[in-house]
Each structure stands twice: as C-alpha cells, then as structure tokens.
PDB file of all heavy atoms in Angstrom:
ATOM      1  N   GLN A   1     -51.034 -29.274 -48.068  1.00  0.00           N
ATOM      2  CA  GLN A   1     -50.065 -30.096 -47.370  1.00  0.00           C
ATOM      3  C   GLN A   1     -48.829 -30.287 -48.240  1.00  0.00           C
ATOM      4  O   GLN A   1     -48.929 -30.796 -49.356  1.00  0.00           O
ATOM      5  CB  GLN A   1     -50.659 -31.453 -47.000  1.00  0.00           C
ATOM      6  CG  GLN A   1     -49.767 -32.308 -46.124  1.00  0.00           C
ATOM      7  CD  GLN A   1     -50.502 -33.512 -45.563  1.00  0.00           C
ATOM      8  OE1 GLN A   1     -51.539 -33.915 -46.083  1.00  0.00           O
ATOM      9  NE2 GLN A   1     -49.974 -34.084 -44.501  1.00  0.00           N
ATOM     10  N   ALA A   2     -47.678 -29.872 -47.727  1.00  0.00           N
ATOM     11  CA  ALA A   2     -46.403 -30.079 -48.385  1.00  0.00           C
ATOM     12  C   ALA A   2     -45.777 -31.368 -47.854  1.00  0.00           C
ATOM     13  O   ALA A   2     -46.084 -31.797 -46.739  1.00  0.00           O
ATOM     14  CB  ALA A   2     -45.478 -28.894 -48.148  1.00  0.00           C
ATOM     15  N   PRO A   3     -44.879 -32.001 -48.609  1.00  0.00           N
ATOM     16  CA  PRO A   3     -44.257 -33.253 -48.165  1.00  0.00           C
ATOM     17  C   PRO A   3     -43.582 -33.113 -46.809  1.00  0.00           C
ATOM     18  O   PRO A   3     -42.827 -32.175 -46.570  1.00  0.00           O
ATOM     19  CB  PRO A   3     -43.237 -33.548 -49.263  1.00  0.00           C
ATOM     20  CG  PRO A   3     -43.787 -32.884 -50.477  1.00  0.00           C
ATOM     21  CD  PRO A   3     -44.445 -31.632 -49.975  1.00  0.00           C
ATOM     22  N   GLY A   4     -43.885 -34.036 -45.899  1.00  0.00           N
ATOM     23  CA  GLY A   4     -43.285 -34.039 -44.582  1.00  0.00           C
ATOM     24  C   GLY A   4     -43.881 -33.062 -43.594  1.00  0.00           C
ATOM     25  O   GLY A   4     -43.433 -33.000 -42.447  1.00  0.00           O
ATOM     26  N   LEU A   5     -44.892 -32.291 -44.007  1.00  0.00           N
ATOM     27  CA  LEU A   5     -45.500 -31.288 -43.150  1.00  0.00           C
ATOM     28  C   LEU A   5     -46.962 -31.626 -42.871  1.00  0.00           C
ATOM     29  O   LEU A   5     -47.563 -32.459 -43.536  1.00  0.00           O
ATOM     30  CB  LEU A   5     -45.403 -29.901 -43.787  1.00  0.00           C
ATOM     31  CG  LEU A   5     -43.997 -29.384 -44.083  1.00  0.00           C
ATOM     32  CD1 LEU A   5     -44.063 -28.010 -44.741  1.00  0.00           C
ATOM     33  CD2 LEU A   5     -43.173 -29.309 -42.810  1.00  0.00           C
ATOM     34  N   ASN A   6     -47.529 -30.957 -41.870  1.00  0.00           N
ATOM     35  CA  ASN A   6     -48.936 -31.129 -41.540  1.00  0.00           C
ATOM     36  C   ASN A   6     -49.825 -30.451 -42.579  1.00  0.00           C
ATOM     37  O   ASN A   6     -49.390 -29.543 -43.295  1.00  0.00           O
ATOM     38  CB  ASN A   6     -49.237 -30.551 -40.166  1.00  0.00           C
ATOM     39  CG  ASN A   6     -48.575 -31.301 -39.042  1.00  0.00           C
ATOM     40  OD1 ASN A   6     -48.410 -32.516 -39.111  1.00  0.00           O
ATOM     41  ND2 ASN A   6     -48.206 -30.588 -37.987  1.00  0.00           N
ATOM     42  N   ARG A   7     -51.054 -30.891 -42.626  1.00  0.00           N
ATOM     43  CA  ARG A   7     -52.034 -30.224 -43.466  1.00  0.00           C
ATOM     44  C   ARG A   7     -52.441 -28.907 -42.806  1.00  0.00           C
ATOM     45  O   ARG A   7     -52.782 -28.877 -41.623  1.00  0.00           O
ATOM     46  CB  ARG A   7     -53.253 -31.119 -43.672  1.00  0.00           C
ATOM     47  CG  ARG A   7     -54.229 -30.600 -44.712  1.00  0.00           C
ATOM     48  CD  ARG A   7     -55.264 -31.655 -45.079  1.00  0.00           C
ATOM     49  NE  ARG A   7     -54.646 -32.841 -45.655  1.00  0.00           N
ATOM     50  CZ  ARG A   7     -55.325 -33.868 -46.160  1.00  0.00           C
ATOM     51  NH1 ARG A   7     -56.645 -33.853 -46.159  1.00  0.00           N
ATOM     52  NH2 ARG A   7     -54.674 -34.919 -46.656  1.00  0.00           N
ATOM     53  N   ASP A   8     -52.404 -27.819 -43.568  1.00  0.00           N
ATOM     54  CA  ASP A   8     -52.655 -26.483 -43.036  1.00  0.00           C
ATOM     55  C   ASP A   8     -53.897 -25.859 -43.644  1.00  0.00           C
ATOM     56  O   ASP A   8     -54.232 -26.088 -44.808  1.00  0.00           O
ATOM     57  CB  ASP A   8     -51.466 -25.557 -43.305  1.00  0.00           C
ATOM     58  CG  ASP A   8     -50.235 -25.905 -42.498  1.00  0.00           C
ATOM     59  OD1 ASP A   8     -50.378 -26.438 -41.388  1.00  0.00           O
ATOM     60  OD2 ASP A   8     -49.117 -25.633 -42.982  1.00  0.00           O
ATOM     61  N   PHE A   9     -54.541 -25.032 -42.846  1.00  0.00           N
ATOM     62  CA  PHE A   9     -55.677 -24.249 -43.307  1.00  0.00           C
ATOM     63  C   PHE A   9     -55.223 -23.172 -44.285  1.00  0.00           C
ATOM     64  O   PHE A   9     -54.184 -22.545 -44.094  1.00  0.00           O
ATOM     65  CB  PHE A   9     -56.370 -23.605 -42.104  1.00  0.00           C
ATOM     66  CG  PHE A   9     -57.314 -22.500 -42.468  1.00  0.00           C
ATOM     67  CD1 PHE A   9     -58.541 -22.775 -43.050  1.00  0.00           C
ATOM     68  CD2 PHE A   9     -56.974 -21.180 -42.233  1.00  0.00           C
ATOM     69  CE1 PHE A   9     -59.418 -21.755 -43.391  1.00  0.00           C
ATOM     70  CE2 PHE A   9     -57.842 -20.157 -42.559  1.00  0.00           C
ATOM     71  CZ  PHE A   9     -59.061 -20.447 -43.140  1.00  0.00           C
ATOM     72  N   VAL A  10     -56.018 -22.941 -45.326  1.00  0.00           N
ATOM     73  CA  VAL A  10     -55.733 -21.907 -46.311  1.00  0.00           C
ATOM     74  C   VAL A  10     -56.839 -20.853 -46.344  1.00  0.00           C
ATOM     75  O   VAL A  10     -56.584 -19.665 -46.164  1.00  0.00           O
ATOM     76  CB  VAL A  10     -55.548 -22.500 -47.720  1.00  0.00           C
ATOM     77  CG1 VAL A  10     -55.385 -21.392 -48.762  1.00  0.00           C
ATOM     78  CG2 VAL A  10     -54.345 -23.436 -47.745  1.00  0.00           C
ATOM     79  N   ALA A  11     -58.077 -21.281 -46.577  1.00  0.00           N
ATOM     80  CA  ALA A  11     -59.187 -20.345 -46.717  1.00  0.00           C
ATOM     81  C   ALA A  11     -60.499 -21.066 -46.480  1.00  0.00           C
ATOM     82  O   ALA A  11     -60.603 -22.276 -46.683  1.00  0.00           O
ATOM     83  CB  ALA A  11     -59.188 -19.700 -48.106  1.00  0.00           C
ATOM     84  N   VAL A  12     -61.524 -20.324 -46.067  1.00  0.00           N
ATOM     85  CA  VAL A  12     -62.844 -20.889 -45.831  1.00  0.00           C
ATOM     86  C   VAL A  12     -63.902 -19.879 -46.257  1.00  0.00           C
ATOM     87  O   VAL A  12     -63.675 -18.664 -46.193  1.00  0.00           O
ATOM     88  CB  VAL A  12     -63.009 -21.287 -44.339  1.00  0.00           C
ATOM     89  CG1 VAL A  12     -63.096 -20.056 -43.453  1.00  0.00           C
ATOM     90  CG2 VAL A  12     -64.198 -22.199 -44.138  1.00  0.00           C
ATOM     91  N   ILE A  13     -65.050 -20.385 -46.688  1.00  0.00           N
ATOM     92  CA  ILE A  13     -66.170 -19.544 -47.079  1.00  0.00           C
ATOM     93  C   ILE A  13     -67.445 -20.152 -46.519  1.00  0.00           C
ATOM     94  O   ILE A  13     -67.633 -21.371 -46.540  1.00  0.00           O
ATOM     95  CB  ILE A  13     -66.234 -19.382 -48.614  1.00  0.00           C
ATOM     96  CG1 ILE A  13     -67.298 -18.359 -49.014  1.00  0.00           C
ATOM     97  CG2 ILE A  13     -66.468 -20.719 -49.304  1.00  0.00           C
ATOM     98  CD1 ILE A  13     -67.183 -17.933 -50.477  1.00  0.00           C
ATOM     99  N   ASN A  14     -68.331 -19.305 -45.998  1.00  0.00           N
ATOM    100  CA  ASN A  14     -69.557 -19.804 -45.401  1.00  0.00           C
ATOM    101  C   ASN A  14     -70.553 -20.238 -46.470  1.00  0.00           C
ATOM    102  O   ASN A  14     -70.346 -20.046 -47.665  1.00  0.00           O
ATOM    103  CB  ASN A  14     -70.159 -18.762 -44.451  1.00  0.00           C
ATOM    104  CG  ASN A  14     -70.755 -17.570 -45.172  1.00  0.00           C
ATOM    105  OD1 ASN A  14     -70.392 -17.254 -46.298  1.00  0.00           O
ATOM    106  ND2 ASN A  14     -71.687 -16.893 -44.514  1.00  0.00           N
ATOM    107  N   SER A  15     -71.651 -20.835 -46.018  1.00  0.00           N
ATOM    108  CA  SER A  15     -72.604 -21.437 -46.948  1.00  0.00           C
ATOM    109  C   SER A  15     -73.205 -20.429 -47.913  1.00  0.00           C
ATOM    110  O   SER A  15     -73.451 -20.755 -49.078  1.00  0.00           O
ATOM    111  CB  SER A  15     -73.719 -22.152 -46.176  1.00  0.00           C
ATOM    112  OG  SER A  15     -74.427 -21.246 -45.342  1.00  0.00           O
ATOM    113  N   GLY A  16     -73.454 -19.213 -47.443  1.00  0.00           N
ATOM    114  CA  GLY A  16     -74.037 -18.190 -48.288  1.00  0.00           C
ATOM    115  C   GLY A  16     -73.037 -17.455 -49.163  1.00  0.00           C
ATOM    116  O   GLY A  16     -73.442 -16.676 -50.033  1.00  0.00           O
ATOM    117  N   GLY A  17     -71.748 -17.675 -48.936  1.00  0.00           N
ATOM    118  CA  GLY A  17     -70.725 -17.029 -49.734  1.00  0.00           C
ATOM    119  C   GLY A  17     -70.481 -15.573 -49.403  1.00  0.00           C
ATOM    120  O   GLY A  17     -69.819 -14.870 -50.165  1.00  0.00           O
ATOM    121  N   ASP A  18     -70.987 -15.107 -48.271  1.00  0.00           N
ATOM    122  CA  ASP A  18     -70.839 -13.706 -47.895  1.00  0.00           C
ATOM    123  C   ASP A  18     -69.870 -13.485 -46.739  1.00  0.00           C
ATOM    124  O   ASP A  18     -69.791 -12.375 -46.210  1.00  0.00           O
ATOM    125  CB  ASP A  18     -72.205 -13.087 -47.564  1.00  0.00           C
ATOM    126  CG  ASP A  18     -72.932 -13.804 -46.442  1.00  0.00           C
ATOM    127  OD1 ASP A  18     -72.477 -14.881 -46.006  1.00  0.00           O
ATOM    128  OD2 ASP A  18     -73.978 -13.282 -45.999  1.00  0.00           O
ATOM    129  N   ASP A  19     -69.136 -14.527 -46.351  1.00  0.00           N
ATOM    130  CA  ASP A  19     -68.155 -14.400 -45.283  1.00  0.00           C
ATOM    131  C   ASP A  19     -66.985 -15.325 -45.581  1.00  0.00           C
ATOM    132  O   ASP A  19     -67.194 -16.505 -45.877  1.00  0.00           O
ATOM    133  CB  ASP A  19     -68.774 -14.725 -43.930  1.00  0.00           C
ATOM    134  CG  ASP A  19     -67.883 -14.332 -42.768  1.00  0.00           C
ATOM    135  OD1 ASP A  19     -67.094 -13.380 -42.911  1.00  0.00           O
ATOM    136  OD2 ASP A  19     -67.983 -14.970 -41.697  1.00  0.00           O
ATOM    137  N   THR A  20     -65.770 -14.789 -45.510  1.00  0.00           N
ATOM    138  CA  THR A  20     -64.564 -15.567 -45.778  1.00  0.00           C
ATOM    139  C   THR A  20     -63.521 -15.321 -44.704  1.00  0.00           C
ATOM    140  O   THR A  20     -63.554 -14.310 -43.993  1.00  0.00           O
ATOM    141  CB  THR A  20     -63.960 -15.214 -47.149  1.00  0.00           C
ATOM    142  OG1 THR A  20     -63.634 -13.817 -47.180  1.00  0.00           O
ATOM    143  CG2 THR A  20     -64.937 -15.528 -48.269  1.00  0.00           C
ATOM    144  N   TYR A  21     -62.571 -16.251 -44.609  1.00  0.00           N
ATOM    145  CA  TYR A  21     -61.474 -16.131 -43.658  1.00  0.00           C
ATOM    146  C   TYR A  21     -60.262 -16.804 -44.271  1.00  0.00           C
ATOM    147  O   TYR A  21     -60.376 -17.874 -44.876  1.00  0.00           O
ATOM    148  CB  TYR A  21     -61.845 -16.774 -42.323  1.00  0.00           C
ATOM    149  CG  TYR A  21     -60.767 -16.693 -41.278  1.00  0.00           C
ATOM    150  CD1 TYR A  21     -60.370 -15.469 -40.754  1.00  0.00           C
ATOM    151  CD2 TYR A  21     -60.144 -17.847 -40.800  1.00  0.00           C
ATOM    152  CE1 TYR A  21     -59.380 -15.396 -39.788  1.00  0.00           C
ATOM    153  CE2 TYR A  21     -59.155 -17.778 -39.838  1.00  0.00           C
ATOM    154  CZ  TYR A  21     -58.780 -16.548 -39.333  1.00  0.00           C
ATOM    155  OH  TYR A  21     -57.803 -16.475 -38.376  1.00  0.00           O
ATOM    156  N   TYR A  22     -59.077 -16.182 -44.103  1.00  0.00           N
ATOM    157  CA  TYR A  22     -57.867 -16.661 -44.740  1.00  0.00           C
ATOM    158  C   TYR A  22     -56.736 -16.825 -43.741  1.00  0.00           C
ATOM    159  O   TYR A  22     -56.640 -16.082 -42.760  1.00  0.00           O
ATOM    160  CB  TYR A  22     -57.394 -15.687 -45.825  1.00  0.00           C
ATOM    161  CG  TYR A  22     -58.370 -15.488 -46.950  1.00  0.00           C
ATOM    162  CD1 TYR A  22     -59.343 -14.495 -46.886  1.00  0.00           C
ATOM    163  CD2 TYR A  22     -58.315 -16.286 -48.089  1.00  0.00           C
ATOM    164  CE1 TYR A  22     -60.236 -14.310 -47.924  1.00  0.00           C
ATOM    165  CE2 TYR A  22     -59.208 -16.103 -49.130  1.00  0.00           C
ATOM    166  CZ  TYR A  22     -60.164 -15.111 -49.037  1.00  0.00           C
ATOM    167  OH  TYR A  22     -61.045 -14.934 -50.078  1.00  0.00           O
ATOM    168  N   ALA A  23     -55.866 -17.777 -44.016  1.00  0.00           N
ATOM    169  CA  ALA A  23     -54.617 -17.870 -43.278  1.00  0.00           C
ATOM    170  C   ALA A  23     -53.775 -16.637 -43.558  1.00  0.00           C
ATOM    171  O   ALA A  23     -53.804 -16.078 -44.659  1.00  0.00           O
ATOM    172  CB  ALA A  23     -53.853 -19.128 -43.676  1.00  0.00           C
ATOM    173  N   ASP A  24     -53.020 -16.194 -42.552  1.00  0.00           N
ATOM    174  CA  ASP A  24     -52.191 -15.003 -42.726  1.00  0.00           C
ATOM    175  C   ASP A  24     -51.214 -15.147 -43.891  1.00  0.00           C
ATOM    176  O   ASP A  24     -50.897 -14.164 -44.568  1.00  0.00           O
ATOM    177  CB  ASP A  24     -51.415 -14.707 -41.441  1.00  0.00           C
ATOM    178  CG  ASP A  24     -52.292 -14.178 -40.328  1.00  0.00           C
ATOM    179  OD1 ASP A  24     -53.403 -13.693 -40.616  1.00  0.00           O
ATOM    180  OD2 ASP A  24     -51.862 -14.245 -39.158  1.00  0.00           O
ATOM    181  N   SER A  25     -50.752 -16.356 -44.138  1.00  0.00           N
ATOM    182  CA  SER A  25     -49.759 -16.594 -45.172  1.00  0.00           C
ATOM    183  C   SER A  25     -50.284 -16.353 -46.586  1.00  0.00           C
ATOM    184  O   SER A  25     -49.488 -16.155 -47.505  1.00  0.00           O
ATOM    185  CB  SER A  25     -49.211 -18.018 -45.068  1.00  0.00           C
ATOM    186  OG  SER A  25     -50.251 -18.969 -45.194  1.00  0.00           O
ATOM    187  N   VAL A  26     -51.608 -16.367 -46.765  1.00  0.00           N
ATOM    188  CA  VAL A  26     -52.184 -16.192 -48.090  1.00  0.00           C
ATOM    189  C   VAL A  26     -53.079 -14.970 -48.191  1.00  0.00           C
ATOM    190  O   VAL A  26     -53.532 -14.636 -49.296  1.00  0.00           O
ATOM    191  CB  VAL A  26     -52.975 -17.438 -48.536  1.00  0.00           C
ATOM    192  CG1 VAL A  26     -52.113 -18.687 -48.418  1.00  0.00           C
ATOM    193  CG2 VAL A  26     -54.256 -17.596 -47.726  1.00  0.00           C
ATOM    194  N   LYS A  27     -53.328 -14.298 -47.091  1.00  0.00           N
ATOM    195  CA  LYS A  27     -54.220 -13.142 -47.082  1.00  0.00           C
ATOM    196  C   LYS A  27     -53.714 -12.070 -48.040  1.00  0.00           C
ATOM    197  O   LYS A  27     -52.548 -11.710 -48.030  1.00  0.00           O
ATOM    198  CB  LYS A  27     -54.349 -12.593 -45.667  1.00  0.00           C
ATOM    199  CG  LYS A  27     -55.442 -11.557 -45.488  1.00  0.00           C
ATOM    200  CD  LYS A  27     -55.588 -11.172 -44.016  1.00  0.00           C
ATOM    201  CE  LYS A  27     -55.986 -12.371 -43.166  1.00  0.00           C
ATOM    202  NZ  LYS A  27     -56.184 -12.007 -41.738  1.00  0.00           N
ATOM    203  N   GLY A  28     -54.617 -11.568 -48.871  1.00  0.00           N
ATOM    204  CA  GLY A  28     -54.266 -10.563 -49.854  1.00  0.00           C
ATOM    205  C   GLY A  28     -53.794 -11.131 -51.175  1.00  0.00           C
ATOM    206  O   GLY A  28     -53.685 -10.389 -52.154  1.00  0.00           O
ATOM    207  N   ARG A  29     -53.504 -12.438 -51.214  1.00  0.00           N
ATOM    208  CA  ARG A  29     -53.041 -13.078 -52.449  1.00  0.00           C
ATOM    209  C   ARG A  29     -54.050 -14.092 -52.994  1.00  0.00           C
ATOM    210  O   ARG A  29     -54.174 -14.249 -54.200  1.00  0.00           O
ATOM    211  CB  ARG A  29     -51.709 -13.785 -52.218  1.00  0.00           C
ATOM    212  CG  ARG A  29     -50.590 -12.851 -51.775  1.00  0.00           C
ATOM    213  CD  ARG A  29     -49.243 -13.575 -51.759  1.00  0.00           C
ATOM    214  NE  ARG A  29     -49.233 -14.681 -50.801  1.00  0.00           N
ATOM    215  CZ  ARG A  29     -49.005 -15.952 -51.122  1.00  0.00           C
ATOM    216  NH1 ARG A  29     -48.763 -16.294 -52.384  1.00  0.00           N
ATOM    217  NH2 ARG A  29     -48.993 -16.885 -50.174  1.00  0.00           N
ATOM    218  N   PHE A  30     -54.747 -14.784 -52.098  1.00  0.00           N
ATOM    219  CA  PHE A  30     -55.697 -15.822 -52.490  1.00  0.00           C
ATOM    220  C   PHE A  30     -57.123 -15.331 -52.271  1.00  0.00           C
ATOM    221  O   PHE A  30     -57.392 -14.554 -51.348  1.00  0.00           O
ATOM    222  CB  PHE A  30     -55.499 -17.092 -51.667  1.00  0.00           C
ATOM    223  CG  PHE A  30     -54.230 -17.852 -51.946  1.00  0.00           C
ATOM    224  CD1 PHE A  30     -53.213 -17.320 -52.721  1.00  0.00           C
ATOM    225  CD2 PHE A  30     -54.061 -19.133 -51.422  1.00  0.00           C
ATOM    226  CE1 PHE A  30     -52.047 -18.021 -52.971  1.00  0.00           C
ATOM    227  CE2 PHE A  30     -52.905 -19.843 -51.664  1.00  0.00           C
ATOM    228  CZ  PHE A  30     -51.897 -19.293 -52.433  1.00  0.00           C
ATOM    229  N   THR A  31     -58.049 -15.815 -53.097  1.00  0.00           N
ATOM    230  CA  THR A  31     -59.458 -15.496 -52.964  1.00  0.00           C
ATOM    231  C   THR A  31     -60.291 -16.764 -53.104  1.00  0.00           C
ATOM    232  O   THR A  31     -60.180 -17.465 -54.106  1.00  0.00           O
ATOM    233  CB  THR A  31     -59.911 -14.473 -54.015  1.00  0.00           C
ATOM    234  OG1 THR A  31     -59.132 -13.286 -53.908  1.00  0.00           O
ATOM    235  CG2 THR A  31     -61.383 -14.118 -53.808  1.00  0.00           C
ATOM    236  N   ILE A  32     -61.114 -17.044 -52.101  1.00  0.00           N
ATOM    237  CA  ILE A  32     -62.026 -18.172 -52.162  1.00  0.00           C
ATOM    238  C   ILE A  32     -63.410 -17.664 -52.573  1.00  0.00           C
ATOM    239  O   ILE A  32     -63.835 -16.587 -52.161  1.00  0.00           O
ATOM    240  CB  ILE A  32     -62.088 -18.923 -50.815  1.00  0.00           C
ATOM    241  CG1 ILE A  32     -62.908 -20.213 -50.934  1.00  0.00           C
ATOM    242  CG2 ILE A  32     -62.628 -18.036 -49.706  1.00  0.00           C
ATOM    243  CD1 ILE A  32     -62.828 -21.105 -49.698  1.00  0.00           C
ATOM    244  N   SER A  33     -64.101 -18.432 -53.396  1.00  0.00           N
ATOM    245  CA  SER A  33     -65.444 -18.083 -53.824  1.00  0.00           C
ATOM    246  C   SER A  33     -66.240 -19.357 -54.070  1.00  0.00           C
ATOM    247  O   SER A  33     -65.672 -20.450 -54.123  1.00  0.00           O
ATOM    248  CB  SER A  33     -65.420 -17.207 -55.082  1.00  0.00           C
ATOM    249  OG  SER A  33     -64.800 -17.883 -56.159  1.00  0.00           O
ATOM    250  N   ARG A  34     -67.557 -19.217 -54.217  1.00  0.00           N
ATOM    251  CA  ARG A  34     -68.382 -20.393 -54.468  1.00  0.00           C
ATOM    252  C   ARG A  34     -69.555 -20.043 -55.365  1.00  0.00           C
ATOM    253  O   ARG A  34     -69.995 -18.892 -55.432  1.00  0.00           O
ATOM    254  CB  ARG A  34     -68.882 -21.004 -53.153  1.00  0.00           C
ATOM    255  CG  ARG A  34     -69.873 -20.140 -52.379  1.00  0.00           C
ATOM    256  CD  ARG A  34     -70.119 -20.710 -50.988  1.00  0.00           C
ATOM    257  NE  ARG A  34     -70.746 -22.027 -51.029  1.00  0.00           N
ATOM    258  CZ  ARG A  34     -70.756 -22.894 -50.024  1.00  0.00           C
ATOM    259  NH1 ARG A  34     -70.147 -22.582 -48.882  1.00  0.00           N
ATOM    260  NH2 ARG A  34     -71.368 -24.062 -50.148  1.00  0.00           N
ATOM    261  N   ASP A  35     -70.065 -21.058 -56.038  1.00  0.00           N
ATOM    262  CA  ASP A  35     -71.218 -20.967 -56.910  1.00  0.00           C
ATOM    263  C   ASP A  35     -72.163 -22.083 -56.479  1.00  0.00           C
ATOM    264  O   ASP A  35     -71.985 -23.238 -56.860  1.00  0.00           O
ATOM    265  CB  ASP A  35     -70.799 -21.122 -58.369  1.00  0.00           C
ATOM    266  CG  ASP A  35     -71.959 -21.056 -59.337  1.00  0.00           C
ATOM    267  OD1 ASP A  35     -73.126 -21.058 -58.901  1.00  0.00           O
ATOM    268  OD2 ASP A  35     -71.700 -20.995 -60.548  1.00  0.00           O
ATOM    269  N   ASN A  36     -73.151 -21.733 -55.665  1.00  0.00           N
ATOM    270  CA  ASN A  36     -74.039 -22.748 -55.121  1.00  0.00           C
ATOM    271  C   ASN A  36     -74.966 -23.343 -56.171  1.00  0.00           C
ATOM    272  O   ASN A  36     -75.388 -24.488 -56.044  1.00  0.00           O
ATOM    273  CB  ASN A  36     -74.851 -22.173 -53.965  1.00  0.00           C
ATOM    274  CG  ASN A  36     -74.033 -22.024 -52.703  1.00  0.00           C
ATOM    275  OD1 ASN A  36     -72.944 -22.573 -52.583  1.00  0.00           O
ATOM    276  ND2 ASN A  36     -74.566 -21.276 -51.742  1.00  0.00           N
ATOM    277  N   THR A  37     -75.293 -22.564 -57.201  1.00  0.00           N
ATOM    278  CA  THR A  37     -76.146 -23.076 -58.265  1.00  0.00           C
ATOM    279  C   THR A  37     -75.481 -24.251 -58.971  1.00  0.00           C
ATOM    280  O   THR A  37     -76.115 -25.265 -59.254  1.00  0.00           O
ATOM    281  CB  THR A  37     -76.484 -21.974 -59.274  1.00  0.00           C
ATOM    282  OG1 THR A  37     -77.205 -20.925 -58.617  1.00  0.00           O
ATOM    283  CG2 THR A  37     -77.327 -22.530 -60.411  1.00  0.00           C
ATOM    284  N   ASN A  38     -74.195 -24.115 -59.265  1.00  0.00           N
ATOM    285  CA  ASN A  38     -73.446 -25.155 -59.962  1.00  0.00           C
ATOM    286  C   ASN A  38     -72.629 -26.033 -59.024  1.00  0.00           C
ATOM    287  O   ASN A  38     -71.874 -26.894 -59.498  1.00  0.00           O
ATOM    288  CB  ASN A  38     -72.542 -24.517 -61.012  1.00  0.00           C
ATOM    289  CG  ASN A  38     -73.322 -23.863 -62.123  1.00  0.00           C
ATOM    290  OD1 ASN A  38     -74.095 -24.517 -62.814  1.00  0.00           O
ATOM    291  ND2 ASN A  38     -73.133 -22.563 -62.303  1.00  0.00           N
ATOM    292  N   LYS A  39     -72.742 -25.826 -57.733  1.00  0.00           N
ATOM    293  CA  LYS A  39     -72.062 -26.632 -56.718  1.00  0.00           C
ATOM    294  C   LYS A  39     -70.557 -26.648 -56.950  1.00  0.00           C
ATOM    295  O   LYS A  39     -69.931 -27.704 -57.059  1.00  0.00           O
ATOM    296  CB  LYS A  39     -72.642 -28.047 -56.682  1.00  0.00           C
ATOM    297  CG  LYS A  39     -74.100 -28.090 -56.275  1.00  0.00           C
ATOM    298  CD  LYS A  39     -74.610 -29.522 -56.185  1.00  0.00           C
ATOM    299  CE  LYS A  39     -76.055 -29.558 -55.737  1.00  0.00           C
ATOM    300  NZ  LYS A  39     -76.571 -30.946 -55.645  1.00  0.00           N
ATOM    301  N   LYS A  40     -69.984 -25.464 -57.011  1.00  0.00           N
ATOM    302  CA  LYS A  40     -68.547 -25.303 -57.215  1.00  0.00           C
ATOM    303  C   LYS A  40     -67.965 -24.365 -56.170  1.00  0.00           C
ATOM    304  O   LYS A  40     -68.629 -23.427 -55.716  1.00  0.00           O
ATOM    305  CB  LYS A  40     -68.252 -24.735 -58.605  1.00  0.00           C
ATOM    306  CG  LYS A  40     -68.708 -25.598 -59.766  1.00  0.00           C
ATOM    307  CD  LYS A  40     -67.750 -26.731 -60.023  1.00  0.00           C
ATOM    308  CE  LYS A  40     -68.170 -27.526 -61.248  1.00  0.00           C
ATOM    309  NZ  LYS A  40     -68.144 -26.705 -62.485  1.00  0.00           N
ATOM    310  N   VAL A  41     -66.737 -24.612 -55.797  1.00  0.00           N
ATOM    311  CA  VAL A  41     -65.959 -23.699 -54.975  1.00  0.00           C
ATOM    312  C   VAL A  41     -64.617 -23.487 -55.659  1.00  0.00           C
ATOM    313  O   VAL A  41     -64.076 -24.412 -56.278  1.00  0.00           O
ATOM    314  CB  VAL A  41     -65.811 -24.220 -53.526  1.00  0.00           C
ATOM    315  CG1 VAL A  41     -65.083 -25.550 -53.491  1.00  0.00           C
ATOM    316  CG2 VAL A  41     -65.108 -23.189 -52.661  1.00  0.00           C
ATOM    317  N   TYR A  42     -64.095 -22.271 -55.555  1.00  0.00           N
ATOM    318  CA  TYR A  42     -62.884 -21.900 -56.272  1.00  0.00           C
ATOM    319  C   TYR A  42     -61.850 -21.301 -55.330  1.00  0.00           C
ATOM    320  O   TYR A  42     -62.180 -20.751 -54.282  1.00  0.00           O
ATOM    321  CB  TYR A  42     -63.197 -20.872 -57.366  1.00  0.00           C
ATOM    322  CG  TYR A  42     -64.276 -21.302 -58.323  1.00  0.00           C
ATOM    323  CD1 TYR A  42     -65.590 -20.894 -58.143  1.00  0.00           C
ATOM    324  CD2 TYR A  42     -63.975 -22.116 -59.408  1.00  0.00           C
ATOM    325  CE1 TYR A  42     -66.579 -21.285 -59.022  1.00  0.00           C
ATOM    326  CE2 TYR A  42     -64.960 -22.517 -60.292  1.00  0.00           C
ATOM    327  CZ  TYR A  42     -66.258 -22.094 -60.092  1.00  0.00           C
ATOM    328  OH  TYR A  42     -67.242 -22.487 -60.972  1.00  0.00           O
ATOM    329  N   LEU A  43     -60.603 -21.396 -55.735  1.00  0.00           N
ATOM    330  CA  LEU A  43     -59.518 -20.714 -55.057  1.00  0.00           C
ATOM    331  C   LEU A  43     -58.660 -20.035 -56.115  1.00  0.00           C
ATOM    332  O   LEU A  43     -57.997 -20.715 -56.902  1.00  0.00           O
ATOM    333  CB  LEU A  43     -58.675 -21.676 -54.219  1.00  0.00           C
ATOM    334  CG  LEU A  43     -57.594 -21.015 -53.370  1.00  0.00           C
ATOM    335  CD1 LEU A  43     -58.220 -20.183 -52.255  1.00  0.00           C
ATOM    336  CD2 LEU A  43     -56.653 -22.065 -52.775  1.00  0.00           C
ATOM    337  N   ARG A  44     -58.703 -18.714 -56.144  1.00  0.00           N
ATOM    338  CA  ARG A  44     -57.865 -17.934 -57.038  1.00  0.00           C
ATOM    339  C   ARG A  44     -56.580 -17.589 -56.295  1.00  0.00           C
ATOM    340  O   ARG A  44     -56.628 -16.955 -55.247  1.00  0.00           O
ATOM    341  CB  ARG A  44     -58.585 -16.659 -57.484  1.00  0.00           C
ATOM    342  CG  ARG A  44     -57.755 -15.725 -58.351  1.00  0.00           C
ATOM    343  CD  ARG A  44     -57.443 -16.355 -59.696  1.00  0.00           C
ATOM    344  NE  ARG A  44     -56.731 -15.452 -60.573  1.00  0.00           N
ATOM    345  CZ  ARG A  44     -56.255 -15.769 -61.765  1.00  0.00           C
ATOM    346  NH1 ARG A  44     -56.437 -16.992 -62.247  1.00  0.00           N
ATOM    347  NH2 ARG A  44     -55.610 -14.871 -62.489  1.00  0.00           N
ATOM    348  N   MET A  45     -55.448 -17.992 -56.844  1.00  0.00           N
ATOM    349  CA  MET A  45     -54.154 -17.800 -56.212  1.00  0.00           C
ATOM    350  C   MET A  45     -53.321 -16.853 -57.064  1.00  0.00           C
ATOM    351  O   MET A  45     -52.993 -17.168 -58.209  1.00  0.00           O
ATOM    352  CB  MET A  45     -53.436 -19.131 -56.030  1.00  0.00           C
ATOM    353  CG  MET A  45     -54.244 -20.148 -55.232  1.00  0.00           C
ATOM    354  SD  MET A  45     -53.349 -21.694 -54.935  1.00  0.00           S
ATOM    355  CE  MET A  45     -53.259 -22.330 -56.613  1.00  0.00           C
TER     356      MET A  45
END
C-alpha cells in the first residue's frame, strides 16, 4: 500500500509451497517462497 492508494495484491503461495501467483506488475521480478518448518514466508524483490 502506497500513501493515498488502496492496498494491492502482490504475490501468494499455497500451503504446500508448490503453487504461486503474482500480480502482473511484479511478475518476473518478485519471488514468494515459504519455509513451513521454521514458519517463515519470504518475498525476494
């Protein structure tokens, strides 16, 4: 969310970490990942 703007979707990852979906604006640049053992989710930009 940028100042004065709506909150926008960026990326999502399913519970098993084997399926992802990205907003067109970030596709090819951002990567979402998760580590269920350590209960972490990441966004590489």
